[in-house]
Amino acid sequence: MRSPSAYILATALLLLVRAAGPYKVSAQRSVAASSGTFASGTFASGNYRNLLAHRGIPKAAIDARLEATFQQLFHGDPKTQAITTPLGRTQMALSDT
């Protein structure tokens, strides 16, 4: 059984990716749409809703939460918060969570 911190990290990563706002996915969308697998919906359109904004959370609060999450996950305490390990100047390894 995974520890609660693994689920917290997974949720934080999801927030980091999704809460930044609408974004487009073109290459994956065109492959999936042509195969008929995802012919409709969010994936096919490439428009992803910002669910935090949809719940009425102000953009400034969302941006602050994203920045705090990013700082914790990528620059936090290596023993208790960060999920990456630097590998030189331009690379990093993702820790097993």
C-alpha atoms as a PDB file:
ATOM      1  CA  MET A   1       0.000   0.000   0.000  1.00  0.00           C
ATOM      2  CA  ARG A   2       1.343   3.408  -0.915  1.00  0.00           C
ATOM      3  CA  SER A   3       1.851   6.009   1.745  1.00  0.00           C
ATOM      4  CA  PRO A   4      -0.460   9.041   1.908  1.00  0.00           C
ATOM      5  CA  SER A   5       2.450  11.235   0.793  1.00  0.00           C
ATOM      6  CA  ALA A   6       2.554   9.382  -2.554  1.00  0.00           C
ATOM      7  CA  TYR A   7      -1.065  10.349  -3.167  1.00  0.00           C
ATOM      8  CA  ILE A   8      -0.381  13.931  -2.103  1.00  0.00           C
ATOM      9  CA  LEU A   9       2.521  14.123  -4.561  1.00  0.00           C
ATOM     10  CA  ALA A  10       0.412  12.652  -7.349  1.00  0.00           C
ATOM     11  CA  THR A  11      -2.333  15.194  -6.641  1.00  0.00           C
ATOM     12  CA  ALA A  12       0.194  18.031  -6.552  1.00  0.00           C
ATOM     13  CA  LEU A  13       1.618  16.968  -9.909  1.00  0.00           C
ATOM     14  CA  LEU A  14      -1.873  16.821 -11.362  1.00  0.00           C
ATOM     15  CA  LEU A  15      -2.556  20.340 -10.072  1.00  0.00           C
ATOM     16  CA  LEU A  16       0.736  21.530 -11.475  1.00  0.00           C
ATOM     17  CA  VAL A  17      -0.095  20.226 -14.925  1.00  0.00           C
ATOM     18  CA  ARG A  18      -3.817  20.964 -15.096  1.00  0.00           C
ATOM     19  CA  ALA A  19      -4.323  24.151 -13.086  1.00  0.00           C
ATOM     20  CA  ALA A  20      -2.052  26.292 -15.221  1.00  0.00           C
ATOM     21  CA  GLY A  21      -4.970  26.958 -17.527  1.00  0.00           C
ATOM     22  CA  PRO A  22      -6.225  25.753 -20.891  1.00  0.00           C
ATOM     23  CA  TYR A  23      -3.577  24.305 -23.147  1.00  0.00           C
ATOM     24  CA  LYS A  24      -3.502  22.478 -26.456  1.00  0.00           C
ATOM     25  CA  VAL A  25      -2.442  18.925 -27.216  1.00  0.00           C
ATOM     26  CA  SER A  26      -2.111  18.625 -30.960  1.00  0.00           C
ATOM     27  CA  ALA A  27       0.019  15.618 -31.944  1.00  0.00           C
ATOM     28  CA  GLN A  28      -1.593  13.192 -29.501  1.00  0.00           C
ATOM     29  CA  ARG A  29      -5.053  14.528 -30.268  1.00  0.00           C
ATOM     30  CA  SER A  30      -4.708  14.029 -34.017  1.00  0.00           C
ATOM     31  CA  VAL A  31      -3.517  10.423 -33.609  1.00  0.00           C
ATOM     32  CA  ALA A  32      -6.302   9.545 -31.178  1.00  0.00           C
ATOM     33  CA  ALA A  33      -8.964  11.363 -33.209  1.00  0.00           C
ATOM     34  CA  SER A  34      -7.936   9.600 -36.412  1.00  0.00           C
ATOM     35  CA  SER A  35      -8.178   6.206 -34.713  1.00  0.00           C
ATOM     36  CA  GLY A  36     -11.667   7.025 -33.436  1.00  0.00           C
ATOM     37  CA  THR A  37     -10.661   6.215 -29.860  1.00  0.00           C
ATOM     38  CA  PHE A  38     -11.337   9.691 -28.470  1.00  0.00           C
ATOM     39  CA  ALA A  39     -13.622  11.212 -31.073  1.00  0.00           C
ATOM     40  CA  SER A  40     -15.216  13.736 -28.737  1.00  0.00           C
ATOM     41  CA  GLY A  41     -14.685  15.436 -25.424  1.00  0.00           C
ATOM     42  CA  THR A  42     -11.806  17.294 -23.847  1.00  0.00           C
ATOM     43  CA  PHE A  43      -9.016  15.183 -25.319  1.00  0.00           C
ATOM     44  CA  ALA A  44     -10.361  15.495 -28.866  1.00  0.00           C
ATOM     45  CA  SER A  45     -10.895  19.251 -28.604  1.00  0.00           C
ATOM     46  CA  GLY A  46      -7.573  19.886 -26.852  1.00  0.00           C
ATOM     47  CA  ASN A  47      -9.205  22.404 -24.498  1.00  0.00           C
ATOM     48  CA  TYR A  48      -8.706  21.578 -20.831  1.00  0.00           C
ATOM     49  CA  ARG A  49     -10.745  23.506 -18.267  1.00  0.00           C
ATOM     50  CA  ASN A  50      -9.083  25.035 -15.254  1.00  0.00           C
ATOM     51  CA  LEU A  51     -11.159  23.307 -12.583  1.00  0.00           C
ATOM     52  CA  LEU A  52      -9.870  25.522  -9.791  1.00  0.00           C
ATOM     53  CA  ALA A  53     -11.010  28.644 -11.659  1.00  0.00           C
ATOM     54  CA  HIS A  54     -14.288  26.903 -12.422  1.00  0.00           C
ATOM     55  CA  ARG A  55     -14.823  26.509  -8.654  1.00  0.00           C
ATOM     56  CA  GLY A  56     -14.376  30.257  -8.212  1.00  0.00           C
ATOM     57  CA  ILE A  57     -10.805  30.340  -6.935  1.00  0.00           C
ATOM     58  CA  PRO A  58      -9.133  33.600  -8.034  1.00  0.00           C
ATOM     59  CA  LYS A  59      -6.336  33.374 -10.618  1.00  0.00           C
ATOM     60  CA  ALA A  60      -3.849  34.925  -8.181  1.00  0.00           C
ATOM     61  CA  ALA A  61      -4.570  32.181  -5.622  1.00  0.00           C
ATOM     62  CA  ILE A  62      -4.216  29.474  -8.290  1.00  0.00           C
ATOM     63  CA  ASP A  63      -0.914  30.951  -9.470  1.00  0.00           C
ATOM     64  CA  ALA A  64       0.363  31.143  -5.878  1.00  0.00           C
ATOM     65  CA  ARG A  65      -0.630  27.531  -5.229  1.00  0.00           C
ATOM     66  CA  LEU A  66       1.084  26.378  -8.429  1.00  0.00           C
ATOM     67  CA  GLU A  67       4.257  28.278  -7.609  1.00  0.00           C
ATOM     68  CA  ALA A  68       4.348  26.907  -4.046  1.00  0.00           C
ATOM     69  CA  THR A  69       3.768  23.358  -5.304  1.00  0.00           C
ATOM     70  CA  PHE A  70       6.459  23.712  -7.963  1.00  0.00           C
ATOM     71  CA  GLN A  71       8.957  25.095  -5.456  1.00  0.00           C
ATOM     72  CA  GLN A  72       8.214  22.277  -3.004  1.00  0.00           C
ATOM     73  CA  LEU A  73       8.397  19.464  -5.542  1.00  0.00           C
ATOM     74  CA  PHE A  74      11.442  20.661  -7.459  1.00  0.00           C
ATOM     75  CA  HIS A  75      13.370  22.792  -4.959  1.00  0.00           C
ATOM     76  CA  GLY A  76      12.129  21.626  -1.548  1.00  0.00           C
ATOM     77  CA  ASP A  77      13.980  19.662   1.108  1.00  0.00           C
ATOM     78  CA  PRO A  78      15.555  16.710  -0.765  1.00  0.00           C
ATOM     79  CA  LYS A  79      14.755  14.282   2.061  1.00  0.00           C
ATOM     80  CA  THR A  80      11.125  15.178   2.661  1.00  0.00           C
ATOM     81  CA  GLN A  81       9.670  17.294  -0.166  1.00  0.00           C
ATOM     82  CA  ALA A  82      11.533  17.285  -3.479  1.00  0.00           C
ATOM     83  CA  ILE A  83      10.697  14.559  -5.993  1.00  0.00           C
ATOM     84  CA  THR A  84      13.730  15.225  -8.176  1.00  0.00           C
ATOM     85  CA  THR A  85      17.460  14.804  -7.811  1.00  0.00           C
ATOM     86  CA  PRO A  86      19.787  17.079  -9.806  1.00  0.00           C
ATOM     87  CA  LEU A  87      22.045  15.308 -12.288  1.00  0.00           C
ATOM     88  CA  GLY A  88      24.491  17.968 -13.278  1.00  0.00           C
ATOM     89  CA  ARG A  89      23.515  21.405 -14.492  1.00  0.00           C
ATOM     90  CA  THR A  90      20.843  20.570 -17.062  1.00  0.00           C
ATOM     91  CA  GLN A  91      19.298  17.247 -16.020  1.00  0.00           C
ATOM     92  CA  MET A  92      17.377  15.773 -13.121  1.00  0.00           C
ATOM     93  CA  ALA A  93      16.052  12.386 -12.104  1.00  0.00           C
ATOM     94  CA  LEU A  94      12.502  11.866 -10.901  1.00  0.00           C
ATOM     95  CA  SER A  95      12.465  10.047  -7.555  1.00  0.00           C
ATOM     96  CA  ASP A  96      10.412   6.926  -7.075  1.00  0.00           C
ATOM     97  CA  THR A  97       7.387   8.082  -5.115  1.00  0.00           C
END
